[in-house]
Amino acid sequence: MTSKFKILTPVLVLIAAPAFAQEMDAAIDVNGDGMYSFPELQAVDGELTEDAFTVMDVNGDGLLDGDEVAAATDAGLMPMSDG
């Protein structure tokens, strides 16, 4: 791996990550608060149950933040479509 590639990789990740997050917000976070509510998620996945949402809502605040969404996706609890 070249030195340039080692330096550019973190920069590219920092540039791409917010773009992906914004795309997710547009598709799911209807009210733009940066959190995912049960109704917002159920609108894109009609099979989502309140029980499943509660399992994903680790802090119990009734909303999923980015960390909870990532953890749920990684655990296979909330598969995300690519478009």
PDB file of N, CA and C in Angstrom:
ATOM      1  N   MET A   1       0.848  -1.173   0.000  1.00  0.00           N
ATOM      2  CA  MET A   1       0.000   0.000   0.000  1.00  0.00           C
ATOM      3  C   MET A   1       0.889   1.230   0.000  1.00  0.00           C
ATOM      4  N   THR A   2       0.566   2.174  -0.857  1.00  0.00           N
ATOM      5  CA  THR A   2       1.387   3.372  -0.956  1.00  0.00           C
ATOM      6  C   THR A   2       1.039   4.360   0.147  1.00  0.00           C
ATOM      7  N   SER A   3       1.936   5.262   0.412  1.00  0.00           N
ATOM      8  CA  SER A   3       1.715   6.292   1.431  1.00  0.00           C
ATOM      9  C   SER A   3       0.525   7.170   1.072  1.00  0.00           C
ATOM     10  N   LYS A   4       0.386   7.511  -0.209  1.00  0.00           N
ATOM     11  CA  LYS A   4      -0.737   8.345  -0.635  1.00  0.00           C
ATOM     12  C   LYS A   4      -2.063   7.656  -0.356  1.00  0.00           C
ATOM     13  N   PHE A   5      -2.118   6.356  -0.632  1.00  0.00           N
ATOM     14  CA  PHE A   5      -3.351   5.624  -0.406  1.00  0.00           C
ATOM     15  C   PHE A   5      -3.686   5.563   1.083  1.00  0.00           C
ATOM     16  N   LYS A   6      -2.671   5.363   1.920  1.00  0.00           N
ATOM     17  CA  LYS A   6      -2.880   5.325   3.368  1.00  0.00           C
ATOM     18  C   LYS A   6      -3.411   6.652   3.884  1.00  0.00           C
ATOM     19  N   ILE A   7      -2.972   7.728   3.296  1.00  0.00           N
ATOM     20  CA  ILE A   7      -3.422   9.053   3.723  1.00  0.00           C
ATOM     21  C   ILE A   7      -4.809   9.363   3.187  1.00  0.00           C
ATOM     22  N   LEU A   8      -5.090   8.998   1.943  1.00  0.00           N
ATOM     23  CA  LEU A   8      -6.362   9.332   1.318  1.00  0.00           C
ATOM     24  C   LEU A   8      -7.535   8.476   1.786  1.00  0.00           C
ATOM     25  N   THR A   9      -7.277   7.252   2.195  1.00  0.00           N
ATOM     26  CA  THR A   9      -8.377   6.372   2.581  1.00  0.00           C
ATOM     27  C   THR A   9      -9.247   6.964   3.691  1.00  0.00           C
ATOM     28  N   PRO A  10      -8.674   7.420   4.808  1.00  0.00           N
ATOM     29  CA  PRO A  10      -9.533   8.008   5.843  1.00  0.00           C
ATOM     30  C   PRO A  10     -10.285   9.244   5.364  1.00  0.00           C
ATOM     31  N   VAL A  11      -9.671  10.023   4.500  1.00  0.00           N
ATOM     32  CA  VAL A  11     -10.325  11.212   3.965  1.00  0.00           C
ATOM     33  C   VAL A  11     -11.531  10.809   3.123  1.00  0.00           C
ATOM     34  N   LEU A  12     -11.364   9.821   2.277  1.00  0.00           N
ATOM     35  CA  LEU A  12     -12.468   9.353   1.440  1.00  0.00           C
ATOM     36  C   LEU A  12     -13.607   8.789   2.281  1.00  0.00           C
ATOM     37  N   VAL A  13     -13.275   8.082   3.338  1.00  0.00           N
ATOM     38  CA  VAL A  13     -14.302   7.543   4.231  1.00  0.00           C
ATOM     39  C   VAL A  13     -15.067   8.682   4.881  1.00  0.00           C
ATOM     40  N   LEU A  14     -14.377   9.709   5.330  1.00  0.00           N
ATOM     41  CA  LEU A  14     -15.046  10.850   5.960  1.00  0.00           C
ATOM     42  C   LEU A  14     -15.945  11.600   4.987  1.00  0.00           C
ATOM     43  N   ILE A  15     -15.565  11.616   3.726  1.00  0.00           N
ATOM     44  CA  ILE A  15     -16.389  12.281   2.717  1.00  0.00           C
ATOM     45  C   ILE A  15     -17.600  11.427   2.357  1.00  0.00           C
ATOM     46  N   ALA A  16     -17.412  10.134   2.219  1.00  0.00           N
ATOM     47  CA  ALA A  16     -18.497   9.252   1.778  1.00  0.00           C
ATOM     48  C   ALA A  16     -19.513   8.981   2.874  1.00  0.00           C
ATOM     49  N   ALA A  17     -19.100   8.852   4.113  1.00  0.00           N
ATOM     50  CA  ALA A  17     -20.013   8.498   5.205  1.00  0.00           C
ATOM     51  C   ALA A  17     -21.163   9.486   5.365  1.00  0.00           C
ATOM     52  N   PRO A  18     -20.917  10.794   5.404  1.00  0.00           N
ATOM     53  CA  PRO A  18     -22.046  11.715   5.529  1.00  0.00           C
ATOM     54  C   PRO A  18     -22.999  11.658   4.344  1.00  0.00           C
ATOM     55  N   ALA A  19     -22.488  11.433   3.163  1.00  0.00           N
ATOM     56  CA  ALA A  19     -23.355  11.324   1.988  1.00  0.00           C
ATOM     57  C   ALA A  19     -24.283  10.134   2.128  1.00  0.00           C
ATOM     58  N   PHE A  20     -23.771   9.014   2.618  1.00  0.00           N
ATOM     59  CA  PHE A  20     -24.609   7.836   2.832  1.00  0.00           C
ATOM     60  C   PHE A  20     -25.646   8.116   3.911  1.00  0.00           C
ATOM     61  N   ALA A  21     -25.235   8.764   4.992  1.00  0.00           N
ATOM     62  CA  ALA A  21     -26.159   9.072   6.080  1.00  0.00           C
ATOM     63  C   ALA A  21     -27.271   9.990   5.596  1.00  0.00           C
ATOM     64  N   GLN A  22     -26.935  10.972   4.760  1.00  0.00           N
ATOM     65  CA  GLN A  22     -27.951  11.874   4.244  1.00  0.00           C
ATOM     66  C   GLN A  22     -28.935  11.125   3.358  1.00  0.00           C
ATOM     67  N   GLU A  23     -28.450  10.170   2.576  1.00  0.00           N
ATOM     68  CA  GLU A  23     -29.331   9.369   1.735  1.00  0.00           C
ATOM     69  C   GLU A  23     -30.295   8.574   2.615  1.00  0.00           C
ATOM     70  N   MET A  24     -29.807   8.001   3.687  1.00  0.00           N
ATOM     71  CA  MET A  24     -30.659   7.269   4.612  1.00  0.00           C
ATOM     72  C   MET A  24     -31.708   8.195   5.204  1.00  0.00           C
ATOM     73  N   ASP A  25     -31.303   9.394   5.610  1.00  0.00           N
ATOM     74  CA  ASP A  25     -32.243  10.349   6.190  1.00  0.00           C
ATOM     75  C   ASP A  25     -33.372  10.672   5.225  1.00  0.00           C
ATOM     76  N   ALA A  26     -33.030  10.872   3.988  1.00  0.00           N
ATOM     77  CA  ALA A  26     -34.037  11.223   2.994  1.00  0.00           C
ATOM     78  C   ALA A  26     -35.038  10.091   2.795  1.00  0.00           C
ATOM     79  N   ALA A  27     -34.575   8.874   2.906  1.00  0.00           N
ATOM     80  CA  ALA A  27     -35.448   7.731   2.666  1.00  0.00           C
ATOM     81  C   ALA A  27     -36.246   7.322   3.905  1.00  0.00           C
ATOM     82  N   ILE A  28     -35.705   7.549   5.091  1.00  0.00           N
ATOM     83  CA  ILE A  28     -36.324   7.024   6.310  1.00  0.00           C
ATOM     84  C   ILE A  28     -36.704   8.124   7.293  1.00  0.00           C
ATOM     85  N   ASP A  29     -35.816   9.045   7.555  1.00  0.00           N
ATOM     86  CA  ASP A  29     -36.019  10.060   8.584  1.00  0.00           C
ATOM     87  C   ASP A  29     -36.876  11.192   8.034  1.00  0.00           C
ATOM     88  N   VAL A  30     -38.165  10.953   7.942  1.00  0.00           N
ATOM     89  CA  VAL A  30     -39.094  11.869   7.282  1.00  0.00           C
ATOM     90  C   VAL A  30     -39.099  13.251   7.928  1.00  0.00           C
ATOM     91  N   ASN A  31     -39.045  13.319   9.264  1.00  0.00           N
ATOM     92  CA  ASN A  31     -39.113  14.626   9.917  1.00  0.00           C
ATOM     93  C   ASN A  31     -37.751  15.297  10.078  1.00  0.00           C
ATOM     94  N   GLY A  32     -36.685  14.614   9.660  1.00  0.00           N
ATOM     95  CA  GLY A  32     -35.358  15.203   9.646  1.00  0.00           C
ATOM     96  C   GLY A  32     -34.728  15.452  11.001  1.00  0.00           C
ATOM     97  N   ASP A  33     -35.171  14.717  12.030  1.00  0.00           N
ATOM     98  CA  ASP A  33     -34.617  14.940  13.369  1.00  0.00           C
ATOM     99  C   ASP A  33     -33.351  14.139  13.653  1.00  0.00           C
ATOM    100  N   GLY A  34     -32.903  13.347  12.665  1.00  0.00           N
ATOM    101  CA  GLY A  34     -31.689  12.554  12.855  1.00  0.00           C
ATOM    102  C   GLY A  34     -31.913  11.271  13.632  1.00  0.00           C
ATOM    103  N   MET A  35     -33.155  10.941  13.892  1.00  0.00           N
ATOM    104  CA  MET A  35     -33.521   9.724  14.608  1.00  0.00           C
ATOM    105  C   MET A  35     -34.555   8.973  13.767  1.00  0.00           C
ATOM    106  N   TYR A  36     -34.691   7.692  14.065  1.00  0.00           N
ATOM    107  CA  TYR A  36     -35.630   6.858  13.321  1.00  0.00           C
ATOM    108  C   TYR A  36     -36.723   6.390  14.273  1.00  0.00           C
ATOM    109  N   SER A  37     -37.954   6.809  14.026  1.00  0.00           N
ATOM    110  CA  SER A  37     -39.081   6.413  14.862  1.00  0.00           C
ATOM    111  C   SER A  37     -39.695   5.127  14.325  1.00  0.00           C
ATOM    112  N   PHE A  38     -40.519   4.503  15.149  1.00  0.00           N
ATOM    113  CA  PHE A  38     -41.202   3.293  14.705  1.00  0.00           C
ATOM    114  C   PHE A  38     -42.058   3.564  13.459  1.00  0.00           C
ATOM    115  N   PRO A  39     -42.870   4.627  13.443  1.00  0.00           N
ATOM    116  CA  PRO A  39     -43.659   4.878  12.218  1.00  0.00           C
ATOM    117  C   PRO A  39     -42.804   5.117  10.972  1.00  0.00           C
ATOM    118  N   GLU A  40     -41.665   5.802  11.123  1.00  0.00           N
ATOM    119  CA  GLU A  40     -40.798   6.042   9.965  1.00  0.00           C
ATOM    120  C   GLU A  40     -40.242   4.727   9.428  1.00  0.00           C
ATOM    121  N   LEU A  41     -39.815   3.847  10.325  1.00  0.00           N
ATOM    122  CA  LEU A  41     -39.262   2.564   9.879  1.00  0.00           C
ATOM    123  C   LEU A  41     -40.349   1.646   9.344  1.00  0.00           C
ATOM    124  N   GLN A  42     -41.515   1.682   9.984  1.00  0.00           N
ATOM    125  CA  GLN A  42     -42.596   0.822   9.522  1.00  0.00           C
ATOM    126  C   GLN A  42     -43.086   1.247   8.138  1.00  0.00           C
ATOM    127  N   ALA A  43     -42.940   2.520   7.813  1.00  0.00           N
ATOM    128  CA  ALA A  43     -43.330   3.001   6.478  1.00  0.00           C
ATOM    129  C   ALA A  43     -42.475   2.380   5.385  1.00  0.00           C
ATOM    130  N   VAL A  44     -41.214   2.056   5.696  1.00  0.00           N
ATOM    131  CA  VAL A  44     -40.345   1.434   4.704  1.00  0.00           C
ATOM    132  C   VAL A  44     -40.271  -0.076   4.862  1.00  0.00           C
ATOM    133  N   ASP A  45     -40.699  -0.593   6.015  1.00  0.00           N
ATOM    134  CA  ASP A  45     -40.741  -2.040   6.255  1.00  0.00           C
ATOM    135  C   ASP A  45     -42.032  -2.358   6.989  1.00  0.00           C
ATOM    136  N   GLY A  46     -43.082  -2.611   6.239  1.00  0.00           N
ATOM    137  CA  GLY A  46     -44.399  -2.866   6.802  1.00  0.00           C
ATOM    138  C   GLY A  46     -44.480  -4.070   7.714  1.00  0.00           C
ATOM    139  N   GLU A  47     -43.470  -4.934   7.667  1.00  0.00           N
ATOM    140  CA  GLU A  47     -43.472  -6.119   8.522  1.00  0.00           C
ATOM    141  C   GLU A  47     -42.808  -5.866   9.881  1.00  0.00           C
ATOM    142  N   LEU A  48     -42.237  -4.688  10.080  1.00  0.00           N
ATOM    143  CA  LEU A  48     -41.583  -4.364  11.340  1.00  0.00           C
ATOM    144  C   LEU A  48     -42.631  -4.307  12.459  1.00  0.00           C
ATOM    145  N   THR A  49     -42.356  -5.013  13.549  1.00  0.00           N
ATOM    146  CA  THR A  49     -43.274  -5.006  14.697  1.00  0.00           C
ATOM    147  C   THR A  49     -42.736  -4.078  15.784  1.00  0.00           C
ATOM    148  N   GLU A  50     -43.621  -3.668  16.671  1.00  0.00           N
ATOM    149  CA  GLU A  50     -43.191  -2.840  17.796  1.00  0.00           C
ATOM    150  C   GLU A  50     -42.209  -3.599  18.682  1.00  0.00           C
ATOM    151  N   ASP A  51     -42.424  -4.908  18.829  1.00  0.00           N
ATOM    152  CA  ASP A  51     -41.496  -5.713  19.628  1.00  0.00           C
ATOM    153  C   ASP A  51     -40.093  -5.702  19.025  1.00  0.00           C
ATOM    154  N   ALA A  52     -39.993  -5.839  17.713  1.00  0.00           N
ATOM    155  CA  ALA A  52     -38.686  -5.813  17.050  1.00  0.00           C
ATOM    156  C   ALA A  52     -38.046  -4.434  17.209  1.00  0.00           C
ATOM    157  N   PHE A  53     -38.847  -3.386  17.075  1.00  0.00           N
ATOM    158  CA  PHE A  53     -38.325  -2.026  17.250  1.00  0.00           C
ATOM    159  C   PHE A  53     -37.795  -1.834  18.665  1.00  0.00           C
ATOM    160  N   THR A  54     -38.519  -2.342  19.655  1.00  0.00           N
ATOM    161  CA  THR A  54     -38.114  -2.216  21.049  1.00  0.00           C
ATOM    162  C   THR A  54     -36.776  -2.898  21.304  1.00  0.00           C
ATOM    163  N   VAL A  55     -36.555  -4.038  20.658  1.00  0.00           N
ATOM    164  CA  VAL A  55     -35.273  -4.735  20.797  1.00  0.00           C
ATOM    165  C   VAL A  55     -34.140  -3.870  20.243  1.00  0.00           C
ATOM    166  N   MET A  56     -34.385  -3.190  19.148  1.00  0.00           N
ATOM    167  CA  MET A  56     -33.358  -2.349  18.520  1.00  0.00           C
ATOM    168  C   MET A  56     -33.124  -1.050  19.292  1.00  0.00           C
ATOM    169  N   ASP A  57     -34.142  -0.585  20.013  1.00  0.00           N
ATOM    170  CA  ASP A  57     -34.079   0.677  20.751  1.00  0.00           C
ATOM    171  C   ASP A  57     -33.382   0.452  22.094  1.00  0.00           C
ATOM    172  N   VAL A  58     -32.073   0.340  22.038  1.00  0.00           N
ATOM    173  CA  VAL A  58     -31.261  -0.050  23.192  1.00  0.00           C
ATOM    174  C   VAL A  58     -31.466   0.877  24.390  1.00  0.00           C
ATOM    175  N   ASN A  59     -31.535   2.178  24.153  1.00  0.00           N
ATOM    176  CA  ASN A  59     -31.657   3.107  25.280  1.00  0.00           C
ATOM    177  C   ASN A  59     -33.106   3.362  25.699  1.00  0.00           C
ATOM    178  N   GLY A  60     -34.063   2.771  24.994  1.00  0.00           N
ATOM    179  CA  GLY A  60     -35.469   2.839  25.375  1.00  0.00           C
ATOM    180  C   GLY A  60     -36.117   4.202  25.247  1.00  0.00           C
ATOM    181  N   ASP A  61     -35.575   5.073  24.395  1.00  0.00           N
ATOM    182  CA  ASP A  61     -36.156   6.409  24.260  1.00  0.00           C
ATOM    183  C   ASP A  61     -37.243   6.497  23.187  1.00  0.00           C
ATOM    184  N   GLY A  62     -37.540   5.371  22.547  1.00  0.00           N
ATOM    185  CA  GLY A  62     -38.580   5.367  21.524  1.00  0.00           C
ATOM    186  C   GLY A  62     -38.101   5.789  20.153  1.00  0.00           C
ATOM    187  N   LEU A  63     -36.807   6.037  20.020  1.00  0.00           N
ATOM    188  CA  LEU A  63     -36.207   6.436  18.750  1.00  0.00           C
ATOM    189  C   LEU A  63     -34.908   5.673  18.557  1.00  0.00           C
ATOM    190  N   LEU A  64     -34.531   5.453  17.301  1.00  0.00           N
ATOM    191  CA  LEU A  64     -33.244   4.821  17.013  1.00  0.00           C
ATOM    192  C   LEU A  64     -32.279   5.885  16.521  1.00  0.00           C
ATOM    193  N   ASP A  65     -31.135   5.978  17.195  1.00  0.00           N
ATOM    194  CA  ASP A  65     -30.101   6.885  16.721  1.00  0.00           C
ATOM    195  C   ASP A  65     -29.187   6.119  15.764  1.00  0.00           C
ATOM    196  N   GLY A  66     -28.193   6.798  15.229  1.00  0.00           N
ATOM    197  CA  GLY A  66     -27.296   6.181  14.249  1.00  0.00           C
ATOM    198  C   GLY A  66     -26.600   4.942  14.772  1.00  0.00           C
ATOM    199  N   ASP A  67     -26.173   4.975  16.039  1.00  0.00           N
ATOM    200  CA  ASP A  67     -25.494   3.818  16.623  1.00  0.00           C
ATOM    201  C   ASP A  67     -26.440   2.627  16.752  1.00  0.00           C
ATOM    202  N   GLU A  68     -27.676   2.890  17.152  1.00  0.00           N
ATOM    203  CA  GLU A  68     -28.652   1.804  17.288  1.00  0.00           C
ATOM    204  C   GLU A  68     -29.007   1.222  15.922  1.00  0.00           C
ATOM    205  N   VAL A  69     -29.133   2.077  14.926  1.00  0.00           N
ATOM    206  CA  VAL A  69     -29.412   1.605  13.562  1.00  0.00           C
ATOM    207  C   VAL A  69     -28.262   0.743  13.061  1.00  0.00           C
ATOM    208  N   ALA A  70     -27.035   1.206  13.273  1.00  0.00           N
ATOM    209  CA  ALA A  70     -25.860   0.441  12.824  1.00  0.00           C
ATOM    210  C   ALA A  70     -25.788  -0.905  13.540  1.00  0.00           C
ATOM    211  N   ALA A  71     -26.018  -0.906  14.850  1.00  0.00           N
ATOM    212  CA  ALA A  71     -25.964  -2.151  15.614  1.00  0.00           C
ATOM    213  C   ALA A  71     -27.060  -3.112  15.169  1.00  0.00           C
ATOM    214  N   ALA A  72     -28.261  -2.596  14.940  1.00  0.00           N
ATOM    215  CA  ALA A  72     -29.370  -3.441  14.495  1.00  0.00           C
ATOM    216  C   ALA A  72     -29.107  -4.007  13.104  1.00  0.00           C
ATOM    217  N   THR A  73     -28.552  -3.190  12.237  1.00  0.00           N
ATOM    218  CA  THR A  73     -28.230  -3.647  10.884  1.00  0.00           C
ATOM    219  C   THR A  73     -27.142  -4.712  10.933  1.00  0.00           C
ATOM    220  N   ASP A  74     -26.090  -4.459  11.720  1.00  0.00           N
ATOM    221  CA  ASP A  74     -24.994  -5.428  11.852  1.00  0.00           C
ATOM    222  C   ASP A  74     -25.487  -6.757  12.425  1.00  0.00           C
ATOM    223  N   ALA A  75     -26.471  -6.687  13.335  1.00  0.00           N
ATOM    224  CA  ALA A  75     -27.009  -7.892  13.962  1.00  0.00           C
ATOM    225  C   ALA A  75     -28.041  -8.600  13.085  1.00  0.00           C
ATOM    226  N   GLY A  76     -28.359  -8.003  11.938  1.00  0.00           N
ATOM    227  CA  GLY A  76     -29.335  -8.606  11.040  1.00  0.00           C
ATOM    228  C   GLY A  76     -30.774  -8.371  11.470  1.00  0.00           C
ATOM    229  N   LEU A  77     -30.979  -7.461  12.408  1.00  0.00           N
ATOM    230  CA  LEU A  77     -32.327  -7.163  12.885  1.00  0.00           C
ATOM    231  C   LEU A  77     -33.058  -6.188  11.975  1.00  0.00           C
ATOM    232  N   MET A  78     -32.283  -5.408  11.234  1.00  0.00           N
ATOM    233  CA  MET A  78     -32.867  -4.405  10.362  1.00  0.00           C
ATOM    234  C   MET A  78     -32.101  -4.364   9.054  1.00  0.00           C
ATOM    235  N   PRO A  79     -32.366  -5.315   8.177  1.00  0.00           N
ATOM    236  CA  PRO A  79     -31.673  -5.283   6.882  1.00  0.00           C
ATOM    237  C   PRO A  79     -32.101  -4.054   6.098  1.00  0.00           C
ATOM    238  N   MET A  80     -31.124  -3.355   5.569  1.00  0.00           N
ATOM    239  CA  MET A  80     -31.402  -2.146   4.801  1.00  0.00           C
ATOM    240  C   MET A  80     -31.278  -2.450   3.316  1.00  0.00           C
ATOM    241  N   SER A  81     -32.210  -1.924   2.555  1.00  0.00           N
ATOM    242  CA  SER A  81     -32.134  -2.108   1.103  1.00  0.00           C
ATOM    243  C   SER A  81     -31.131  -1.135   0.528  1.00  0.00           C
ATOM    244  N   ASP A  82     -30.683  -1.408  -0.675  1.00  0.00           N
ATOM    245  CA  ASP A  82     -29.745  -0.481  -1.289  1.00  0.00           C
ATOM    246  C   ASP A  82     -30.425   0.506  -2.199  1.00  0.00           C
ATOM    247  N   GLY A  83     -31.611   0.811  -1.959  1.00  0.00           N
ATOM    248  CA  GLY A  83     -32.175   1.844  -2.783  1.00  0.00           C
ATOM    249  C   GLY A  83     -33.607   1.984  -2.535  1.00  0.00           C
TER     250      GLY A  83
END
